[in-house]
Amino acid sequence: MSKGMFVPKESQPKQGASGKSGKDKDGKRKIVAQNKKARHDYAIVDTYEAGIVLTGTEVKSLRQGRASLVDGFVQIDGNEAWLHNAHIPEYSQGTWTNHSVRRKRKLLLHREEIDKLESKSQETGHTIVPLAIYFKDGRAKAEIALAKGKKEYDKRQTLREQQDRRDSDRAIASAKRRQRARER
């Protein structure tokens, strides 16, 4: 660029060493909390992404990476989806405006998604569980799932399959290492 030449702002190089800010602009998920127990206890039928209605101190507490979904569940009430028992601790620098730790929080879904979830969850054995809370494009989202409860023998079968898969992966990796060692 020569001195005094006008360059539009869009084509100017970004400031900073990497050219990227600390936020994830490309739509990647920054996971805050996961419910791993739900994947063990339930067979996941279908998953949905829902927005969460939060107060300011809840968002700040989530940005610190503090939340728990262990006892959480989703309930459809009055054509609205509500997240119950999700634990978002109080914000440490909050004042008297701090939020209640286990209050119910509204989930933002499309009408047809709510209707489908409501009809499916009324079938025997089906429930709606939260799988994760994360930030996507700076907004708090919840991944919820329509799930069917597993029996005890189903859980054992899943654990056995995971263990067999790990064992076979270890055996394959070991054989590959031996093969590379022989080639050297």
C-alpha atoms as a PDB file:
ATOM      1  CA  MET A   1       0.000   0.000   0.000  1.00  0.00           C
ATOM      2  CA  SER A   2       1.295   3.406  -0.872  1.00  0.00           C
ATOM      3  CA  LYS A   3       1.085   6.276   1.557  1.00  0.00           C
ATOM      4  CA  GLY A   4      -2.181   8.201   1.448  1.00  0.00           C
ATOM      5  CA  MET A   5      -4.068   5.517  -0.444  1.00  0.00           C
ATOM      6  CA  PHE A   6      -7.618   4.805   0.800  1.00  0.00           C
ATOM      7  CA  VAL A   7      -8.280   1.188   1.745  1.00  0.00           C
ATOM      8  CA  PRO A   8     -11.795   0.082   2.759  1.00  0.00           C
ATOM      9  CA  LYS A   9     -12.084  -1.205   6.338  1.00  0.00           C
ATOM     10  CA  GLU A  10     -13.206  -4.698   5.196  1.00  0.00           C
ATOM     11  CA  SER A  11      -9.968  -5.317   3.308  1.00  0.00           C
ATOM     12  CA  GLN A  12      -7.647  -4.036   6.048  1.00  0.00           C
ATOM     13  CA  PRO A  13      -5.768  -6.710   7.992  1.00  0.00           C
ATOM     14  CA  LYS A  14      -7.077  -7.495  11.450  1.00  0.00           C
ATOM     15  CA  GLN A  15      -5.243  -6.221  14.517  1.00  0.00           C
ATOM     16  CA  GLY A  16      -3.534  -8.614  16.912  1.00  0.00           C
ATOM     17  CA  ALA A  17      -1.109 -11.478  16.544  1.00  0.00           C
ATOM     18  CA  SER A  18      -3.528 -14.145  15.374  1.00  0.00           C
ATOM     19  CA  GLY A  19      -6.108 -11.933  13.722  1.00  0.00           C
ATOM     20  CA  LYS A  20      -8.829 -13.622  15.754  1.00  0.00           C
ATOM     21  CA  SER A  21     -10.517 -12.473  18.915  1.00  0.00           C
ATOM     22  CA  GLY A  22     -11.086 -14.757  21.899  1.00  0.00           C
ATOM     23  CA  LYS A  23     -14.680 -15.450  20.918  1.00  0.00           C
ATOM     24  CA  ASP A  24     -15.705 -18.224  18.571  1.00  0.00           C
ATOM     25  CA  LYS A  25     -17.059 -16.413  15.516  1.00  0.00           C
ATOM     26  CA  ASP A  26     -17.226 -19.456  13.248  1.00  0.00           C
ATOM     27  CA  GLY A  27     -20.144 -21.076  15.072  1.00  0.00           C
ATOM     28  CA  LYS A  28     -18.172 -23.536  17.162  1.00  0.00           C
ATOM     29  CA  ARG A  29     -19.660 -24.706  20.416  1.00  0.00           C
ATOM     30  CA  LYS A  30     -18.045 -23.826  23.735  1.00  0.00           C
ATOM     31  CA  ILE A  31     -19.457 -26.507  26.026  1.00  0.00           C
ATOM     32  CA  VAL A  32     -20.208 -25.408  29.592  1.00  0.00           C
ATOM     33  CA  ALA A  33     -21.904 -28.514  31.029  1.00  0.00           C
ATOM     34  CA  GLN A  34     -22.666 -32.034  29.831  1.00  0.00           C
ATOM     35  CA  ASN A  35     -24.970 -34.722  31.156  1.00  0.00           C
ATOM     36  CA  LYS A  36     -22.971 -37.888  30.507  1.00  0.00           C
ATOM     37  CA  LYS A  37     -25.222 -39.918  32.788  1.00  0.00           C
ATOM     38  CA  ALA A  38     -28.190 -39.283  30.473  1.00  0.00           C
ATOM     39  CA  ARG A  39     -26.420 -41.048  27.605  1.00  0.00           C
ATOM     40  CA  HIS A  40     -25.790 -44.007  29.911  1.00  0.00           C
ATOM     41  CA  ASP A  41     -29.313 -44.198  31.374  1.00  0.00           C
ATOM     42  CA  TYR A  42     -31.305 -43.431  28.212  1.00  0.00           C
ATOM     43  CA  ALA A  43     -31.363 -44.442  24.568  1.00  0.00           C
ATOM     44  CA  ILE A  44     -31.368 -41.153  22.652  1.00  0.00           C
ATOM     45  CA  VAL A  45     -34.144 -41.083  20.035  1.00  0.00           C
ATOM     46  CA  ASP A  46     -33.860 -37.513  18.723  1.00  0.00           C
ATOM     47  CA  THR A  47     -31.913 -34.355  19.682  1.00  0.00           C
ATOM     48  CA  TYR A  48     -32.882 -30.688  19.505  1.00  0.00           C
ATOM     49  CA  GLU A  49     -31.063 -27.391  19.987  1.00  0.00           C
ATOM     50  CA  ALA A  50     -32.958 -24.888  22.123  1.00  0.00           C
ATOM     51  CA  GLY A  51     -32.197 -21.373  23.258  1.00  0.00           C
ATOM     52  CA  ILE A  52     -32.387 -20.668  27.002  1.00  0.00           C
ATOM     53  CA  VAL A  53     -33.963 -17.607  28.608  1.00  0.00           C
ATOM     54  CA  LEU A  54     -31.421 -16.506  31.242  1.00  0.00           C
ATOM     55  CA  THR A  55     -30.789 -13.535  33.506  1.00  0.00           C
ATOM     56  CA  GLY A  56     -27.534 -11.561  33.374  1.00  0.00           C
ATOM     57  CA  THR A  57     -25.922 -13.228  36.390  1.00  0.00           C
ATOM     58  CA  GLU A  58     -26.765 -16.682  35.013  1.00  0.00           C
ATOM     59  CA  VAL A  59     -24.951 -15.887  31.781  1.00  0.00           C
ATOM     60  CA  LYS A  60     -21.919 -14.602  33.677  1.00  0.00           C
ATOM     61  CA  SER A  61     -21.875 -17.721  35.845  1.00  0.00           C
ATOM     62  CA  LEU A  62     -22.097 -19.933  32.733  1.00  0.00           C
ATOM     63  CA  ARG A  63     -19.234 -18.013  31.096  1.00  0.00           C
ATOM     64  CA  GLN A  64     -17.123 -18.995  34.122  1.00  0.00           C
ATOM     65  CA  GLY A  65     -17.862 -22.605  33.113  1.00  0.00           C
ATOM     66  CA  ARG A  66     -19.942 -23.537  36.129  1.00  0.00           C
ATOM     67  CA  ALA A  67     -23.143 -25.558  35.696  1.00  0.00           C
ATOM     68  CA  SER A  68     -24.536 -29.038  36.295  1.00  0.00           C
ATOM     69  CA  LEU A  69     -27.259 -30.950  34.466  1.00  0.00           C
ATOM     70  CA  VAL A  70     -27.187 -34.141  36.540  1.00  0.00           C
ATOM     71  CA  ASP A  71     -30.732 -33.869  37.941  1.00  0.00           C
ATOM     72  CA  GLY A  72     -32.115 -31.798  35.068  1.00  0.00           C
ATOM     73  CA  PHE A  73     -35.186 -32.641  33.023  1.00  0.00           C
ATOM     74  CA  VAL A  74     -37.414 -30.884  30.496  1.00  0.00           C
ATOM     75  CA  GLN A  75     -41.170 -30.554  30.883  1.00  0.00           C
ATOM     76  CA  ILE A  76     -43.749 -29.222  28.437  1.00  0.00           C
ATOM     77  CA  ASP A  77     -46.199 -26.967  30.283  1.00  0.00           C
ATOM     78  CA  GLY A  78     -48.775 -24.752  28.594  1.00  0.00           C
ATOM     79  CA  ASN A  79     -47.251 -25.155  25.110  1.00  0.00           C
ATOM     80  CA  GLU A  80     -43.848 -24.024  26.422  1.00  0.00           C
ATOM     81  CA  ALA A  81     -40.746 -26.071  27.199  1.00  0.00           C
ATOM     82  CA  TRP A  82     -39.149 -25.598  30.638  1.00  0.00           C
ATOM     83  CA  LEU A  83     -35.789 -26.802  31.924  1.00  0.00           C
ATOM     84  CA  HIS A  84     -36.084 -27.921  35.561  1.00  0.00           C
ATOM     85  CA  ASN A  85     -33.372 -28.670  38.164  1.00  0.00           C
ATOM     86  CA  ALA A  86     -30.415 -27.442  36.102  1.00  0.00           C
ATOM     87  CA  HIS A  87     -27.904 -26.128  38.632  1.00  0.00           C
ATOM     88  CA  ILE A  88     -26.307 -22.810  37.654  1.00  0.00           C
ATOM     89  CA  PRO A  89     -24.494 -21.504  40.767  1.00  0.00           C
ATOM     90  CA  GLU A  90     -24.774 -17.901  41.875  1.00  0.00           C
ATOM     91  CA  TYR A  91     -22.399 -15.442  40.244  1.00  0.00           C
ATOM     92  CA  SER A  92     -19.568 -14.721  42.679  1.00  0.00           C
ATOM     93  CA  GLN A  93     -19.524 -10.948  42.046  1.00  0.00           C
ATOM     94  CA  GLY A  94     -23.315 -10.708  41.948  1.00  0.00           C
ATOM     95  CA  THR A  95     -25.286  -8.535  44.333  1.00  0.00           C
ATOM     96  CA  TRP A  96     -28.837  -8.802  45.611  1.00  0.00           C
ATOM     97  CA  THR A  97     -29.876  -9.230  41.948  1.00  0.00           C
ATOM     98  CA  ASN A  98     -28.361 -12.736  41.839  1.00  0.00           C
ATOM     99  CA  HIS A  99     -30.513 -15.539  40.442  1.00  0.00           C
ATOM    100  CA  SER A 100     -32.024 -18.550  42.159  1.00  0.00           C
ATOM    101  CA  VAL A 101     -29.750 -21.561  41.693  1.00  0.00           C
ATOM    102  CA  ARG A 102     -32.295 -24.212  40.591  1.00  0.00           C
ATOM    103  CA  ARG A 103     -35.096 -22.123  39.119  1.00  0.00           C
ATOM    104  CA  LYS A 104     -36.977 -23.360  36.070  1.00  0.00           C
ATOM    105  CA  ARG A 105     -35.770 -21.810  32.827  1.00  0.00           C
ATOM    106  CA  LYS A 106     -37.729 -21.381  29.625  1.00  0.00           C
ATOM    107  CA  LEU A 107     -36.437 -23.110  26.493  1.00  0.00           C
ATOM    108  CA  LEU A 108     -36.919 -21.506  23.097  1.00  0.00           C
ATOM    109  CA  LEU A 109     -38.124 -23.979  20.480  1.00  0.00           C
ATOM    110  CA  HIS A 110     -40.303 -23.813  17.377  1.00  0.00           C
ATOM    111  CA  ARG A 111     -43.992 -24.630  17.829  1.00  0.00           C
ATOM    112  CA  GLU A 112     -43.825 -27.837  15.754  1.00  0.00           C
ATOM    113  CA  GLU A 113     -40.822 -29.052  17.791  1.00  0.00           C
ATOM    114  CA  ILE A 114     -42.693 -28.454  21.051  1.00  0.00           C
ATOM    115  CA  ASP A 115     -45.784 -30.256  19.724  1.00  0.00           C
ATOM    116  CA  LYS A 116     -43.701 -33.221  18.561  1.00  0.00           C
ATOM    117  CA  LEU A 117     -41.831 -33.419  21.876  1.00  0.00           C
ATOM    118  CA  GLU A 118     -45.073 -33.208  23.849  1.00  0.00           C
ATOM    119  CA  SER A 119     -46.778 -35.994  21.898  1.00  0.00           C
ATOM    120  CA  LYS A 120     -43.728 -38.275  21.995  1.00  0.00           C
ATOM    121  CA  SER A 121     -43.004 -37.685  25.695  1.00  0.00           C
ATOM    122  CA  GLN A 122     -46.511 -38.822  26.634  1.00  0.00           C
ATOM    123  CA  GLU A 123     -45.733 -42.281  25.242  1.00  0.00           C
ATOM    124  CA  THR A 124     -44.656 -44.782  27.876  1.00  0.00           C
ATOM    125  CA  GLY A 125     -40.954 -44.878  28.574  1.00  0.00           C
ATOM    126  CA  HIS A 126     -40.136 -41.615  26.790  1.00  0.00           C
ATOM    127  CA  THR A 127     -38.785 -38.507  28.474  1.00  0.00           C
ATOM    128  CA  ILE A 128     -36.985 -35.302  27.550  1.00  0.00           C
ATOM    129  CA  VAL A 129     -33.520 -34.841  29.047  1.00  0.00           C
ATOM    130  CA  PRO A 130     -30.910 -32.076  28.691  1.00  0.00           C
ATOM    131  CA  LEU A 131     -27.626 -33.318  27.252  1.00  0.00           C
ATOM    132  CA  ALA A 132     -25.490 -30.159  27.249  1.00  0.00           C
ATOM    133  CA  ILE A 133     -25.406 -26.415  27.800  1.00  0.00           C
ATOM    134  CA  TYR A 134     -23.054 -24.513  25.526  1.00  0.00           C
ATOM    135  CA  PHE A 135     -22.406 -21.162  23.881  1.00  0.00           C
ATOM    136  CA  LYS A 136     -22.871 -20.861  20.128  1.00  0.00           C
ATOM    137  CA  ASP A 137     -22.222 -17.506  18.461  1.00  0.00           C
ATOM    138  CA  GLY A 138     -22.270 -15.886  21.908  1.00  0.00           C
ATOM    139  CA  ARG A 139     -25.712 -17.229  22.829  1.00  0.00           C
ATOM    140  CA  ALA A 140     -26.485 -19.842  25.472  1.00  0.00           C
ATOM    141  CA  LYS A 141     -28.021 -22.980  24.000  1.00  0.00           C
ATOM    142  CA  ALA A 142     -29.202 -26.283  25.405  1.00  0.00           C
ATOM    143  CA  GLU A 143     -29.038 -29.592  23.605  1.00  0.00           C
ATOM    144  CA  ILE A 144     -32.075 -31.593  24.654  1.00  0.00           C
ATOM    145  CA  ALA A 145     -33.046 -35.094  23.628  1.00  0.00           C
ATOM    146  CA  LEU A 146     -36.136 -37.197  23.384  1.00  0.00           C
ATOM    147  CA  ALA A 147     -35.001 -40.355  25.124  1.00  0.00           C
ATOM    148  CA  LYS A 148     -36.288 -43.789  26.066  1.00  0.00           C
ATOM    149  CA  GLY A 149     -35.213 -45.314  29.366  1.00  0.00           C
ATOM    150  CA  LYS A 150     -32.807 -48.247  29.218  1.00  0.00           C
ATOM    151  CA  LYS A 151     -33.244 -51.391  31.253  1.00  0.00           C
ATOM    152  CA  GLU A 152     -30.384 -52.624  33.422  1.00  0.00           C
ATOM    153  CA  TYR A 153     -29.385 -55.318  30.930  1.00  0.00           C
ATOM    154  CA  ASP A 154     -29.312 -52.716  28.125  1.00  0.00           C
ATOM    155  CA  LYS A 155     -26.871 -50.622  30.155  1.00  0.00           C
ATOM    156  CA  ARG A 156     -24.630 -53.645  30.723  1.00  0.00           C
ATOM    157  CA  GLN A 157     -24.765 -54.495  27.015  1.00  0.00           C
ATOM    158  CA  THR A 158     -23.729 -50.933  26.083  1.00  0.00           C
ATOM    159  CA  LEU A 159     -20.807 -51.036  28.527  1.00  0.00           C
ATOM    160  CA  ARG A 160     -19.729 -54.411  27.141  1.00  0.00           C
ATOM    161  CA  GLU A 161     -19.810 -53.075  23.561  1.00  0.00           C
ATOM    162  CA  GLN A 162     -17.753 -50.022  24.544  1.00  0.00           C
ATOM    163  CA  GLN A 163     -15.178 -52.223  26.278  1.00  0.00           C
ATOM    164  CA  ASP A 164     -14.962 -54.560  23.263  1.00  0.00           C
ATOM    165  CA  ARG A 165     -14.511 -51.562  20.947  1.00  0.00           C
ATOM    166  CA  ARG A 166     -11.714 -50.187  23.148  1.00  0.00           C
ATOM    167  CA  ASP A 167      -9.984 -53.578  23.260  1.00  0.00           C
ATOM    168  CA  SER A 168     -10.123 -53.971  19.477  1.00  0.00           C
ATOM    169  CA  ASP A 169      -8.814 -50.404  18.982  1.00  0.00           C
ATOM    170  CA  ARG A 170      -5.909 -51.138  21.354  1.00  0.00           C
ATOM    171  CA  ALA A 171      -5.097 -54.360  19.523  1.00  0.00           C
ATOM    172  CA  ILE A 172      -5.125 -52.618  16.135  1.00  0.00           C
ATOM    173  CA  ALA A 173      -2.930 -49.775  17.421  1.00  0.00           C
ATOM    174  CA  SER A 174      -0.500 -52.271  18.943  1.00  0.00           C
ATOM    175  CA  ALA A 175      -0.272 -54.228  15.681  1.00  0.00           C
ATOM    176  CA  LYS A 176       0.362 -51.012  13.740  1.00  0.00           C
ATOM    177  CA  ARG A 177       3.141 -50.014  16.156  1.00  0.00           C
ATOM    178  CA  ARG A 178       4.805 -53.431  15.753  1.00  0.00           C
ATOM    179  CA  GLN A 179       4.505 -53.167  11.971  1.00  0.00           C
ATOM    180  CA  ARG A 180       6.176 -49.733  11.922  1.00  0.00           C
ATOM    181  CA  ALA A 181       8.917 -50.988  14.233  1.00  0.00           C
ATOM    182  CA  ARG A 182       9.667 -53.880  11.841  1.00  0.00           C
ATOM    183  CA  GLU A 183       9.818 -51.529   8.837  1.00  0.00           C
ATOM    184  CA  ARG A 184      12.505 -49.383  10.465  1.00  0.00           C
END
